[in-house]
Amino acid sequence: MTQSDAEMPSPSHRVSGIGRLLIAVYGVLALAATGRSFVQIASEFENAPLAYSLSALAAVVYVAATVALIKRSRRWYRIAWITISFELLGVLVVGTLSLVDPALFQHKTVWSVFGQGYGFVPLVLPLLGMWWLRRHPVSVAAGPAVTESRA
């Protein structure tokens, strides 16, 4: 084991301490976004299909990010990076568009005005998630085993 391997936190450390809090917040946001989008789509989808579809997309992203943060493999670590990066991009794009052209988002989404309806948590959460993932990378030992043939 090299010194760099010893310094690298094991994947189980991602789901302890602040990591658990991060996962809990993602889980709560996943439930909130899922519930909101379900009600919006079921009751008034025809009024704002774009906004309500974006709310549903946000819900899917939050659920996937929550699961990816819990799982302990290189594959899920990569999925966590992808979903959290997509989340940040979505918050920035929808947030900007909802300010620049409010007519596009007359009905609110999770990401409208950078997540204002959720206390700006959707804007801050992906930044914290990226920080956490960067500080707690998955070690090589956590991924699928690679076998070498010996001659």
N, C-alpha and C. Protein backbone atom coordinates (compact mmCIF):
# COMPACT_ATOMS: atom_id res chain seq x y z
N MET A 1 0.85 -1.18 0.00
CA MET A 1 0.00 0.00 0.00
C MET A 1 0.89 1.23 0.00
N THR A 2 0.67 2.13 -0.92
CA THR A 2 1.45 3.36 -0.98
C THR A 2 0.89 4.38 -0.01
N GLN A 3 1.68 5.42 0.22
CA GLN A 3 1.21 6.45 1.15
C GLN A 3 -0.04 7.13 0.62
N SER A 4 -0.11 7.34 -0.68
CA SER A 4 -1.30 7.99 -1.23
C SER A 4 -2.55 7.12 -1.04
N ASP A 5 -2.38 5.78 -1.10
CA ASP A 5 -3.51 4.89 -0.84
C ASP A 5 -3.95 4.99 0.61
N ALA A 6 -2.99 5.11 1.51
CA ALA A 6 -3.32 5.19 2.93
C ALA A 6 -4.03 6.49 3.26
N GLU A 7 -3.70 7.56 2.54
CA GLU A 7 -4.31 8.86 2.80
C GLU A 7 -5.70 8.97 2.19
N MET A 8 -6.00 8.15 1.20
CA MET A 8 -7.28 8.23 0.52
C MET A 8 -8.35 7.60 1.40
N PRO A 9 -9.42 8.34 1.70
CA PRO A 9 -10.47 7.78 2.54
C PRO A 9 -11.16 6.61 1.87
N SER A 10 -11.55 5.63 2.66
CA SER A 10 -12.28 4.50 2.10
C SER A 10 -13.67 4.96 1.72
N PRO A 11 -14.32 4.25 0.81
CA PRO A 11 -15.65 4.67 0.37
C PRO A 11 -16.66 4.71 1.50
N SER A 12 -16.47 3.91 2.54
CA SER A 12 -17.43 3.92 3.64
C SER A 12 -17.40 5.24 4.39
N HIS A 13 -16.31 5.99 4.28
CA HIS A 13 -16.22 7.28 4.95
C HIS A 13 -17.13 8.32 4.29
N ARG A 14 -17.54 8.08 3.05
CA ARG A 14 -18.44 9.03 2.38
C ARG A 14 -19.80 9.05 3.03
N VAL A 15 -20.20 7.98 3.68
CA VAL A 15 -21.53 7.93 4.26
C VAL A 15 -21.48 8.01 5.79
N SER A 16 -20.54 8.77 6.29
CA SER A 16 -20.47 9.00 7.73
C SER A 16 -20.37 10.50 7.96
N GLY A 17 -20.72 10.94 9.15
CA GLY A 17 -20.60 12.35 9.50
C GLY A 17 -21.39 13.25 8.58
N ILE A 18 -20.71 14.23 8.03
CA ILE A 18 -21.36 15.21 7.16
C ILE A 18 -21.92 14.54 5.90
N GLY A 19 -21.28 13.46 5.47
CA GLY A 19 -21.78 12.72 4.32
C GLY A 19 -23.20 12.21 4.53
N ARG A 20 -23.49 11.76 5.74
CA ARG A 20 -24.85 11.30 6.06
C ARG A 20 -25.84 12.46 5.98
N LEU A 21 -25.42 13.61 6.48
CA LEU A 21 -26.29 14.79 6.42
C LEU A 21 -26.55 15.18 4.97
N LEU A 22 -25.52 15.17 4.16
CA LEU A 22 -25.65 15.49 2.74
C LEU A 22 -26.63 14.53 2.07
N ILE A 23 -26.48 13.25 2.34
CA ILE A 23 -27.38 12.24 1.76
C ILE A 23 -28.81 12.46 2.26
N ALA A 24 -28.96 12.79 3.53
CA ALA A 24 -30.30 13.04 4.08
C ALA A 24 -30.95 14.24 3.40
N VAL A 25 -30.20 15.31 3.18
CA VAL A 25 -30.76 16.49 2.52
C VAL A 25 -31.14 16.15 1.08
N TYR A 26 -30.28 15.39 0.39
CA TYR A 26 -30.62 14.96 -0.97
C TYR A 26 -31.89 14.10 -0.95
N GLY A 27 -32.01 13.22 0.02
CA GLY A 27 -33.19 12.38 0.13
C GLY A 27 -34.46 13.19 0.35
N VAL A 28 -34.40 14.17 1.24
CA VAL A 28 -35.56 15.03 1.50
C VAL A 28 -35.92 15.82 0.24
N LEU A 29 -34.92 16.36 -0.44
CA LEU A 29 -35.18 17.11 -1.66
C LEU A 29 -35.74 16.20 -2.75
N ALA A 30 -35.26 14.96 -2.80
CA ALA A 30 -35.80 13.99 -3.77
C ALA A 30 -37.27 13.74 -3.51
N LEU A 31 -37.62 13.55 -2.24
CA LEU A 31 -39.03 13.32 -1.90
C LEU A 31 -39.89 14.55 -2.19
N ALA A 32 -39.38 15.73 -1.83
CA ALA A 32 -40.13 16.97 -2.06
C ALA A 32 -40.34 17.22 -3.55
N ALA A 33 -39.27 17.06 -4.33
CA ALA A 33 -39.38 17.30 -5.78
C ALA A 33 -40.28 16.26 -6.45
N THR A 34 -40.20 15.02 -5.99
CA THR A 34 -41.06 13.97 -6.55
C THR A 34 -42.52 14.26 -6.24
N GLY A 35 -42.80 14.60 -5.00
CA GLY A 35 -44.18 14.91 -4.61
C GLY A 35 -44.72 16.11 -5.36
N ARG A 36 -43.91 17.16 -5.43
CA ARG A 36 -44.34 18.37 -6.12
C ARG A 36 -44.63 18.09 -7.59
N SER A 37 -43.70 17.41 -8.25
CA SER A 37 -43.90 17.15 -9.69
C SER A 37 -45.09 16.24 -9.94
N PHE A 38 -45.30 15.25 -9.06
CA PHE A 38 -46.44 14.36 -9.23
C PHE A 38 -47.75 15.14 -9.15
N VAL A 39 -47.87 15.99 -8.14
CA VAL A 39 -49.10 16.79 -7.99
C VAL A 39 -49.27 17.74 -9.17
N GLN A 40 -48.18 18.40 -9.59
CA GLN A 40 -48.27 19.34 -10.71
C GLN A 40 -48.70 18.63 -12.00
N ILE A 41 -48.08 17.49 -12.27
CA ILE A 41 -48.39 16.78 -13.51
C ILE A 41 -49.78 16.18 -13.46
N ALA A 42 -50.18 15.65 -12.33
CA ALA A 42 -51.50 15.03 -12.21
C ALA A 42 -52.64 16.05 -12.25
N SER A 43 -52.41 17.25 -11.73
CA SER A 43 -53.52 18.19 -11.61
C SER A 43 -53.56 19.29 -12.66
N GLU A 44 -52.41 19.72 -13.16
CA GLU A 44 -52.45 20.86 -14.09
C GLU A 44 -51.32 20.86 -15.12
N PHE A 45 -50.98 19.69 -15.62
CA PHE A 45 -49.88 19.57 -16.58
C PHE A 45 -50.09 20.43 -17.82
N GLU A 46 -51.33 20.50 -18.29
CA GLU A 46 -51.61 21.25 -19.52
C GLU A 46 -51.33 22.75 -19.36
N ASN A 47 -51.31 23.26 -18.14
CA ASN A 47 -51.06 24.69 -17.91
C ASN A 47 -49.59 25.08 -18.08
N ALA A 48 -48.69 24.15 -17.80
CA ALA A 48 -47.26 24.47 -17.87
C ALA A 48 -46.45 23.18 -18.06
N PRO A 49 -46.54 22.57 -19.23
CA PRO A 49 -45.86 21.30 -19.44
C PRO A 49 -44.33 21.39 -19.29
N LEU A 50 -43.73 22.48 -19.73
CA LEU A 50 -42.28 22.63 -19.61
C LEU A 50 -41.87 22.70 -18.14
N ALA A 51 -42.49 23.56 -17.39
CA ALA A 51 -42.14 23.73 -15.98
C ALA A 51 -42.34 22.44 -15.20
N TYR A 52 -43.46 21.77 -15.42
CA TYR A 52 -43.75 20.57 -14.65
C TYR A 52 -42.90 19.38 -15.09
N SER A 53 -42.53 19.35 -16.35
CA SER A 53 -41.60 18.32 -16.82
C SER A 53 -40.22 18.54 -16.21
N LEU A 54 -39.81 19.80 -16.10
CA LEU A 54 -38.52 20.10 -15.46
C LEU A 54 -38.54 19.73 -13.98
N SER A 55 -39.67 19.92 -13.31
CA SER A 55 -39.79 19.50 -11.91
C SER A 55 -39.63 17.99 -11.80
N ALA A 56 -40.23 17.26 -12.74
CA ALA A 56 -40.10 15.79 -12.73
C ALA A 56 -38.67 15.37 -13.01
N LEU A 57 -38.02 16.05 -13.95
CA LEU A 57 -36.62 15.77 -14.24
C LEU A 57 -35.75 16.03 -13.02
N ALA A 58 -36.00 17.13 -12.33
CA ALA A 58 -35.25 17.44 -11.11
C ALA A 58 -35.45 16.34 -10.08
N ALA A 59 -36.66 15.84 -9.95
CA ALA A 59 -36.94 14.77 -9.00
C ALA A 59 -36.12 13.53 -9.33
N VAL A 60 -36.08 13.16 -10.61
CA VAL A 60 -35.30 11.99 -11.03
C VAL A 60 -33.81 12.20 -10.72
N VAL A 61 -33.31 13.39 -10.98
CA VAL A 61 -31.91 13.70 -10.72
C VAL A 61 -31.61 13.59 -9.22
N TYR A 62 -32.51 14.12 -8.39
CA TYR A 62 -32.28 14.06 -6.93
C TYR A 62 -32.34 12.63 -6.41
N VAL A 63 -33.24 11.82 -6.94
CA VAL A 63 -33.31 10.42 -6.51
C VAL A 63 -32.02 9.70 -6.92
N ALA A 64 -31.60 9.89 -8.17
CA ALA A 64 -30.38 9.23 -8.66
C ALA A 64 -29.15 9.70 -7.88
N ALA A 65 -29.07 10.98 -7.58
CA ALA A 65 -27.93 11.50 -6.82
C ALA A 65 -27.92 10.92 -5.41
N THR A 66 -29.09 10.80 -4.81
CA THR A 66 -29.17 10.24 -3.46
C THR A 66 -28.66 8.80 -3.45
N VAL A 67 -29.14 8.00 -4.37
CA VAL A 67 -28.70 6.60 -4.45
C VAL A 67 -27.20 6.54 -4.74
N ALA A 68 -26.73 7.37 -5.67
CA ALA A 68 -25.31 7.34 -6.04
C ALA A 68 -24.41 7.75 -4.87
N LEU A 69 -24.86 8.66 -4.03
CA LEU A 69 -24.06 9.05 -2.87
C LEU A 69 -24.01 7.94 -1.83
N ILE A 70 -25.04 7.12 -1.77
CA ILE A 70 -25.08 6.03 -0.79
C ILE A 70 -24.19 4.87 -1.23
N LYS A 71 -24.24 4.53 -2.50
CA LYS A 71 -23.50 3.38 -3.02
C LYS A 71 -22.00 3.60 -2.93
N ARG A 72 -21.24 2.49 -2.88
CA ARG A 72 -19.81 2.58 -2.62
C ARG A 72 -18.98 1.88 -3.70
N SER A 73 -19.08 2.36 -4.90
CA SER A 73 -18.25 1.80 -5.97
C SER A 73 -17.82 2.92 -6.90
N ARG A 74 -16.83 2.62 -7.71
CA ARG A 74 -16.38 3.63 -8.68
C ARG A 74 -17.49 4.00 -9.64
N ARG A 75 -18.28 3.02 -10.03
CA ARG A 75 -19.39 3.29 -10.97
C ARG A 75 -20.39 4.28 -10.36
N TRP A 76 -20.80 4.05 -9.13
CA TRP A 76 -21.76 4.94 -8.48
C TRP A 76 -21.14 6.29 -8.15
N TYR A 77 -19.86 6.29 -7.87
CA TYR A 77 -19.14 7.55 -7.64
C TYR A 77 -19.21 8.41 -8.90
N ARG A 78 -18.99 7.78 -10.06
CA ARG A 78 -19.08 8.48 -11.35
C ARG A 78 -20.51 8.96 -11.60
N ILE A 79 -21.48 8.12 -11.28
CA ILE A 79 -22.89 8.52 -11.44
C ILE A 79 -23.21 9.70 -10.54
N ALA A 80 -22.67 9.69 -9.33
CA ALA A 80 -22.88 10.83 -8.41
C ALA A 80 -22.34 12.11 -9.04
N TRP A 81 -21.15 12.06 -9.60
CA TRP A 81 -20.58 13.24 -10.25
C TRP A 81 -21.45 13.71 -11.41
N ILE A 82 -21.93 12.77 -12.21
CA ILE A 82 -22.74 13.12 -13.38
C ILE A 82 -24.06 13.76 -12.94
N THR A 83 -24.75 13.13 -12.00
CA THR A 83 -26.05 13.66 -11.59
C THR A 83 -25.93 15.00 -10.88
N ILE A 84 -24.92 15.13 -10.04
CA ILE A 84 -24.76 16.39 -9.30
C ILE A 84 -24.31 17.51 -10.25
N SER A 85 -23.48 17.18 -11.22
CA SER A 85 -23.08 18.19 -12.22
C SER A 85 -24.28 18.61 -13.05
N PHE A 86 -25.09 17.64 -13.46
CA PHE A 86 -26.31 17.94 -14.22
C PHE A 86 -27.25 18.80 -13.38
N GLU A 87 -27.36 18.47 -12.11
CA GLU A 87 -28.20 19.26 -11.19
C GLU A 87 -27.75 20.72 -11.15
N LEU A 88 -26.45 20.93 -10.99
CA LEU A 88 -25.93 22.30 -10.94
C LEU A 88 -26.20 23.03 -12.26
N LEU A 89 -25.97 22.35 -13.37
CA LEU A 89 -26.25 22.95 -14.67
C LEU A 89 -27.73 23.30 -14.80
N GLY A 90 -28.60 22.40 -14.38
CA GLY A 90 -30.04 22.66 -14.44
C GLY A 90 -30.46 23.85 -13.60
N VAL A 91 -29.93 23.92 -12.38
CA VAL A 91 -30.26 25.04 -11.50
C VAL A 91 -29.78 26.36 -12.11
N LEU A 92 -28.58 26.36 -12.67
CA LEU A 92 -28.04 27.59 -13.25
C LEU A 92 -28.80 28.01 -14.50
N VAL A 93 -29.10 27.06 -15.38
CA VAL A 93 -29.81 27.39 -16.62
C VAL A 93 -31.25 27.80 -16.34
N VAL A 94 -31.98 26.97 -15.59
CA VAL A 94 -33.39 27.29 -15.31
C VAL A 94 -33.47 28.54 -14.44
N GLY A 95 -32.57 28.66 -13.48
CA GLY A 95 -32.57 29.85 -12.62
C GLY A 95 -32.35 31.12 -13.41
N THR A 96 -31.39 31.08 -14.33
CA THR A 96 -31.11 32.25 -15.16
C THR A 96 -32.29 32.56 -16.10
N LEU A 97 -32.80 31.52 -16.76
CA LEU A 97 -33.93 31.73 -17.68
C LEU A 97 -35.16 32.24 -16.95
N SER A 98 -35.39 31.78 -15.74
CA SER A 98 -36.58 32.22 -15.01
C SER A 98 -36.47 33.69 -14.58
N LEU A 99 -35.26 34.21 -14.53
CA LEU A 99 -35.08 35.64 -14.24
C LEU A 99 -35.07 36.47 -15.51
N VAL A 100 -34.41 35.96 -16.55
CA VAL A 100 -34.28 36.70 -17.80
C VAL A 100 -35.60 36.73 -18.57
N ASP A 101 -36.31 35.62 -18.60
CA ASP A 101 -37.58 35.54 -19.33
C ASP A 101 -38.63 34.87 -18.44
N PRO A 102 -39.19 35.60 -17.50
CA PRO A 102 -40.16 35.03 -16.56
C PRO A 102 -41.38 34.39 -17.24
N ALA A 103 -41.68 34.79 -18.45
CA ALA A 103 -42.81 34.20 -19.16
C ALA A 103 -42.61 32.71 -19.42
N LEU A 104 -41.36 32.27 -19.53
CA LEU A 104 -41.07 30.85 -19.73
C LEU A 104 -41.50 30.02 -18.52
N PHE A 105 -41.39 30.61 -17.34
CA PHE A 105 -41.65 29.87 -16.11
C PHE A 105 -42.67 30.60 -15.24
N GLN A 106 -43.84 30.83 -15.80
CA GLN A 106 -44.91 31.45 -15.02
C GLN A 106 -45.33 30.53 -13.88
N HIS A 107 -45.14 29.23 -14.08
CA HIS A 107 -45.39 28.25 -13.02
C HIS A 107 -44.01 27.80 -12.53
N LYS A 108 -43.83 27.77 -11.23
CA LYS A 108 -42.52 27.50 -10.63
C LYS A 108 -42.10 26.04 -10.79
N THR A 109 -40.79 25.86 -10.89
CA THR A 109 -40.17 24.53 -10.85
C THR A 109 -39.25 24.50 -9.63
N VAL A 110 -38.71 23.34 -9.36
CA VAL A 110 -37.76 23.21 -8.25
C VAL A 110 -36.56 24.13 -8.47
N TRP A 111 -36.16 24.31 -9.72
CA TRP A 111 -34.95 25.07 -10.03
C TRP A 111 -35.23 26.53 -10.40
N SER A 112 -36.50 26.96 -10.42
CA SER A 112 -36.82 28.36 -10.75
C SER A 112 -36.15 29.31 -9.77
N VAL A 113 -35.67 30.43 -10.31
CA VAL A 113 -34.98 31.46 -9.52
C VAL A 113 -33.96 30.81 -8.59
N PHE A 114 -33.20 29.87 -9.16
CA PHE A 114 -32.10 29.19 -8.46
C PHE A 114 -32.57 28.44 -7.21
N GLY A 115 -33.80 27.94 -7.24
CA GLY A 115 -34.32 27.17 -6.12
C GLY A 115 -34.86 28.02 -4.99
N GLN A 116 -35.31 29.21 -5.32
CA GLN A 116 -35.82 30.13 -4.30
C GLN A 116 -36.95 29.51 -3.47
N GLY A 117 -37.83 28.76 -4.11
CA GLY A 117 -38.95 28.14 -3.39
C GLY A 117 -38.52 27.09 -2.38
N TYR A 118 -37.27 26.67 -2.47
CA TYR A 118 -36.71 25.67 -1.54
C TYR A 118 -35.57 26.28 -0.72
N GLY A 119 -35.62 27.59 -0.53
CA GLY A 119 -34.60 28.25 0.27
C GLY A 119 -33.21 28.24 -0.35
N PHE A 120 -33.14 28.19 -1.67
CA PHE A 120 -31.90 28.15 -2.44
C PHE A 120 -31.06 26.90 -2.18
N VAL A 121 -31.65 25.91 -1.53
CA VAL A 121 -30.96 24.64 -1.31
C VAL A 121 -30.55 24.00 -2.64
N PRO A 122 -31.42 24.03 -3.69
CA PRO A 122 -31.00 23.44 -4.97
C PRO A 122 -29.76 24.10 -5.59
N LEU A 123 -29.46 25.33 -5.22
CA LEU A 123 -28.26 25.99 -5.73
C LEU A 123 -27.03 25.60 -4.91
N VAL A 124 -27.17 25.51 -3.62
CA VAL A 124 -26.04 25.25 -2.73
C VAL A 124 -25.71 23.76 -2.68
N LEU A 125 -26.72 22.91 -2.73
CA LEU A 125 -26.52 21.47 -2.55
C LEU A 125 -25.55 20.84 -3.55
N PRO A 126 -25.64 21.13 -4.85
CA PRO A 126 -24.68 20.50 -5.75
C PRO A 126 -23.24 20.96 -5.50
N LEU A 127 -23.07 22.19 -5.07
CA LEU A 127 -21.72 22.67 -4.75
C LEU A 127 -21.17 21.90 -3.55
N LEU A 128 -21.99 21.70 -2.53
CA LEU A 128 -21.57 20.90 -1.38
C LEU A 128 -21.33 19.45 -1.78
N GLY A 129 -22.20 18.91 -2.64
CA GLY A 129 -22.03 17.54 -3.11
C GLY A 129 -20.72 17.35 -3.86
N MET A 130 -20.40 18.29 -4.73
CA MET A 130 -19.14 18.21 -5.48
C MET A 130 -17.93 18.32 -4.56
N TRP A 131 -18.03 19.22 -3.60
CA TRP A 131 -16.95 19.37 -2.61
C TRP A 131 -16.76 18.06 -1.85
N TRP A 132 -17.87 17.46 -1.44
CA TRP A 132 -17.81 16.22 -0.66
C TRP A 132 -17.22 15.08 -1.50
N LEU A 133 -17.67 14.95 -2.74
CA LEU A 133 -17.14 13.90 -3.61
C LEU A 133 -15.65 14.08 -3.86
N ARG A 134 -15.24 15.31 -4.04
CA ARG A 134 -13.81 15.59 -4.28
C ARG A 134 -12.97 15.22 -3.06
N ARG A 135 -13.50 15.47 -1.88
CA ARG A 135 -12.77 15.16 -0.65
C ARG A 135 -12.81 13.68 -0.30
N HIS A 136 -13.76 12.95 -0.87
CA HIS A 136 -13.93 11.53 -0.54
C HIS A 136 -14.01 10.67 -1.80
N PRO A 137 -12.91 10.60 -2.55
CA PRO A 137 -12.94 9.79 -3.77
C PRO A 137 -13.01 8.30 -3.43
N VAL A 138 -13.50 7.53 -4.36
CA VAL A 138 -13.55 6.09 -4.19
C VAL A 138 -12.18 5.54 -4.53
N SER A 139 -11.65 4.71 -3.67
CA SER A 139 -10.32 4.14 -3.91
C SER A 139 -10.40 3.05 -4.97
N VAL A 140 -9.26 2.70 -5.51
CA VAL A 140 -9.19 1.65 -6.52
C VAL A 140 -9.72 0.35 -5.95
N ALA A 141 -9.48 0.11 -4.67
CA ALA A 141 -9.92 -1.13 -4.04
C ALA A 141 -11.44 -1.24 -4.00
N ALA A 142 -12.14 -0.11 -4.08
CA ALA A 142 -13.58 -0.13 -3.98
C ALA A 142 -14.26 -0.53 -5.29
N GLY A 143 -13.52 -0.43 -6.38
CA GLY A 143 -14.13 -0.75 -7.67
C GLY A 143 -14.09 -2.22 -7.96
N PRO A 144 -14.56 -2.60 -9.13
CA PRO A 144 -14.55 -4.01 -9.49
C PRO A 144 -13.12 -4.51 -9.56
N ALA A 145 -12.94 -5.71 -9.16
CA ALA A 145 -11.59 -6.30 -9.14
C ALA A 145 -11.08 -6.46 -10.56
N VAL A 146 -9.82 -6.18 -10.72
CA VAL A 146 -9.16 -6.36 -12.01
C VAL A 146 -8.18 -7.49 -11.84
N THR A 147 -8.30 -8.50 -12.65
CA THR A 147 -7.38 -9.63 -12.53
C THR A 147 -6.31 -9.52 -13.59
N GLU A 148 -5.12 -9.88 -13.20
CA GLU A 148 -4.02 -9.86 -14.13
C GLU A 148 -3.58 -11.30 -14.37
N SER A 149 -3.27 -11.62 -15.60
CA SER A 149 -2.76 -12.95 -15.87
C SER A 149 -1.26 -12.93 -15.67
N ARG A 150 -0.77 -13.93 -15.00
CA ARG A 150 0.67 -14.01 -14.72
C ARG A 150 1.26 -15.09 -15.59
N ALA A 151 2.33 -14.75 -16.22
CA ALA A 151 2.96 -15.73 -17.11
C ALA A 151 4.03 -16.50 -16.40
